Amino acid sequence: MITGARRAIIAIDFVDDALKQLNVDFRIIRDVNEIGNNAVWEDLGGAQGIEAATVQYIEPALYPTGTMTMRYDFVEAGRYVGIVTAENPEGGQIFRSVFPFAVGLIDYFFYGKVAGFIILFGIALYYFSERRKRQAA
């Protein structure tokens, strides 16, 4: 999650050296279909839906170092989906990676878990301190 709507630098390192010989592009789209963390290619609305939701696109290129970076100013908080597409110019094979992420959203579930843990810890601490007092008496 990127906290706050602001400028971000996104770096992608290729896991496999074979990707260095492929044309790779990168796209950021708004999660207009509200797919969330379960986003997969088939859910993104096809080529037309993806094009309409695109907020940033880097044309296909070779990355001989195995690292591609981009800067983008997220001016609006919300859910986004990153799409990396690698195409083999010889065989025409296409490989895609889809990864959802959030910008400037508060993860209430996380804070709820932290608050729950603190409350349970406090209850346990109180219980054991009272138990110790009773045993000492």
Protein backbone atom coordinates (compact mmCIF):
# COMPACT_ATOMS: atom_id res chain seq x y z
CA MET A 1 0.00 0.00 0.00
CA ILE A 2 1.22 3.47 -0.84
CA THR A 3 0.26 5.81 1.98
CA GLY A 4 -1.27 9.07 0.85
CA ALA A 5 -1.92 10.28 -2.66
CA ARG A 6 1.50 11.42 -3.80
CA ARG A 7 4.45 10.77 -6.09
CA ALA A 8 5.63 7.20 -6.13
CA ILE A 9 8.57 5.43 -7.69
CA ILE A 10 7.75 1.90 -8.74
CA ALA A 11 10.63 -0.48 -9.44
CA ILE A 12 10.19 -3.93 -10.91
CA ASP A 13 13.08 -6.40 -10.86
CA PHE A 14 12.84 -9.35 -13.21
CA VAL A 15 13.02 -12.64 -11.38
CA ASP A 16 14.11 -14.61 -14.44
CA ASP A 17 16.99 -13.50 -16.67
CA ALA A 18 14.99 -14.68 -19.71
CA LEU A 19 12.77 -11.61 -19.28
CA LYS A 20 15.72 -9.42 -20.22
CA GLN A 21 15.30 -10.57 -23.84
CA LEU A 22 11.56 -9.83 -23.97
CA ASN A 23 9.70 -6.62 -24.74
CA VAL A 24 8.14 -5.56 -21.44
CA ASP A 25 5.52 -2.89 -20.85
CA PHE A 26 3.95 -1.64 -17.64
CA ARG A 27 0.54 -0.19 -17.01
CA ILE A 28 -1.29 1.21 -13.99
CA ILE A 29 -5.07 1.15 -14.12
CA ARG A 30 -7.74 2.27 -11.67
CA ASP A 31 -9.61 -0.62 -10.12
CA VAL A 32 -12.87 0.56 -11.69
CA ASN A 33 -14.47 -2.89 -11.33
CA GLU A 34 -13.62 -2.93 -7.60
CA ILE A 35 -11.94 -6.32 -7.86
CA GLY A 36 -9.59 -5.57 -4.99
CA ASN A 37 -6.82 -7.92 -3.92
CA ASN A 38 -8.14 -10.80 -6.01
CA ALA A 39 -7.58 -9.12 -9.37
CA VAL A 40 -6.64 -11.40 -12.25
CA TRP A 41 -6.26 -10.59 -15.95
CA GLU A 42 -9.65 -12.02 -16.90
CA ASP A 43 -11.45 -9.67 -14.47
CA LEU A 44 -10.02 -6.44 -15.89
CA GLY A 45 -12.57 -5.94 -18.67
CA GLY A 46 -10.59 -6.84 -21.78
CA ALA A 47 -8.38 -4.57 -23.87
CA GLN A 48 -11.01 -1.81 -24.16
CA GLY A 49 -11.79 -1.75 -20.43
CA ILE A 50 -8.10 -1.74 -19.54
CA GLU A 51 -7.37 1.10 -21.96
CA ALA A 52 -10.23 3.16 -20.51
CA ALA A 53 -9.00 2.64 -16.92
CA THR A 54 -5.30 3.30 -17.68
CA VAL A 55 -3.70 6.15 -15.76
CA GLN A 56 -0.06 5.45 -16.72
CA TYR A 57 1.52 3.38 -19.48
CA ILE A 58 5.13 2.62 -20.35
CA GLU A 59 5.62 1.39 -23.92
CA PRO A 60 7.22 -2.04 -24.52
CA ALA A 61 11.00 -2.00 -24.36
CA LEU A 62 13.94 -4.25 -23.59
CA TYR A 63 15.42 -3.94 -20.10
CA PRO A 64 18.88 -5.55 -20.28
CA THR A 65 19.58 -4.82 -16.61
CA GLY A 66 16.40 -6.62 -15.57
CA THR A 67 14.98 -3.57 -13.78
CA MET A 68 12.29 -1.19 -14.91
CA THR A 69 11.31 1.90 -12.96
CA MET A 70 8.65 4.52 -13.33
CA ARG A 71 7.44 7.59 -11.48
CA TYR A 72 3.82 8.50 -11.13
CA ASP A 73 1.94 11.16 -9.18
CA PHE A 74 -1.05 9.52 -7.56
CA VAL A 75 -3.36 12.49 -7.16
CA GLU A 76 -6.33 10.40 -6.12
CA ALA A 77 -6.54 7.84 -3.33
CA GLY A 78 -8.03 4.50 -4.26
CA ARG A 79 -7.36 1.00 -5.51
CA TYR A 80 -5.17 0.41 -8.53
CA VAL A 81 -3.90 -2.55 -10.51
CA GLY A 82 -0.41 -2.86 -11.98
CA ILE A 83 -0.03 -4.92 -15.15
CA VAL A 84 3.32 -6.09 -16.48
CA THR A 85 3.23 -7.66 -19.93
CA ALA A 86 6.22 -9.42 -21.49
CA GLU A 87 6.12 -10.51 -25.13
CA ASN A 88 8.55 -12.81 -26.87
CA PRO A 89 9.24 -11.15 -30.25
CA GLU A 90 10.23 -14.48 -31.81
CA GLY A 91 7.46 -16.80 -30.67
CA GLY A 92 4.74 -14.30 -29.94
CA GLN A 93 4.20 -15.70 -26.45
CA ILE A 94 2.71 -13.23 -23.98
CA PHE A 95 3.27 -13.38 -20.23
CA ARG A 96 1.32 -11.18 -17.82
CA SER A 97 1.53 -10.33 -14.16
CA VAL A 98 -1.32 -8.52 -12.43
CA PHE A 99 -0.88 -7.05 -8.97
CA PRO A 100 -3.41 -4.93 -7.10
CA PHE A 101 -2.38 -2.19 -4.68
CA ALA A 102 -3.95 0.66 -2.75
CA VAL A 103 -3.00 4.32 -2.53
CA GLY A 104 -3.92 6.48 0.44
CA LEU A 105 -6.50 4.11 1.92
CA ILE A 106 -6.71 3.34 5.61
CA ASP A 107 -6.60 -0.35 6.41
CA TYR A 108 -9.17 -0.46 9.20
CA PHE A 109 -8.91 -4.25 9.40
CA PHE A 110 -5.21 -4.00 10.31
CA TYR A 111 -5.86 -1.36 12.96
CA GLY A 112 -8.73 -3.45 14.31
CA LYS A 113 -6.41 -6.42 14.73
CA VAL A 114 -3.85 -4.26 16.54
CA ALA A 115 -6.53 -2.81 18.85
CA GLY A 116 -7.89 -6.30 19.53
CA PHE A 117 -4.42 -7.58 20.39
CA ILE A 118 -3.82 -4.66 22.79
CA ILE A 119 -7.17 -5.22 24.49
CA LEU A 120 -6.56 -8.97 24.86
CA PHE A 121 -3.06 -8.31 26.17
CA GLY A 122 -4.46 -5.84 28.72
CA ILE A 123 -7.10 -8.33 29.88
CA ALA A 124 -4.50 -11.08 30.22
CA LEU A 125 -2.15 -8.77 32.12
CA TYR A 126 -4.96 -7.73 34.50
CA TYR A 127 -6.02 -11.36 35.02
CA PHE A 128 -2.51 -12.58 35.85
CA SER A 129 -1.76 -9.62 38.12
CA GLU A 130 -5.00 -10.25 40.08
CA ARG A 131 -4.19 -13.94 40.26
CA ARG A 132 -0.72 -13.17 41.60
CA LYS A 133 -2.21 -10.83 44.24
CA ARG A 134 -4.59 -13.58 45.41
CA GLN A 135 -1.79 -16.13 45.66
CA ALA A 136 0.35 -13.71 47.69
CA ALA A 137 -2.49 -13.08 50.17
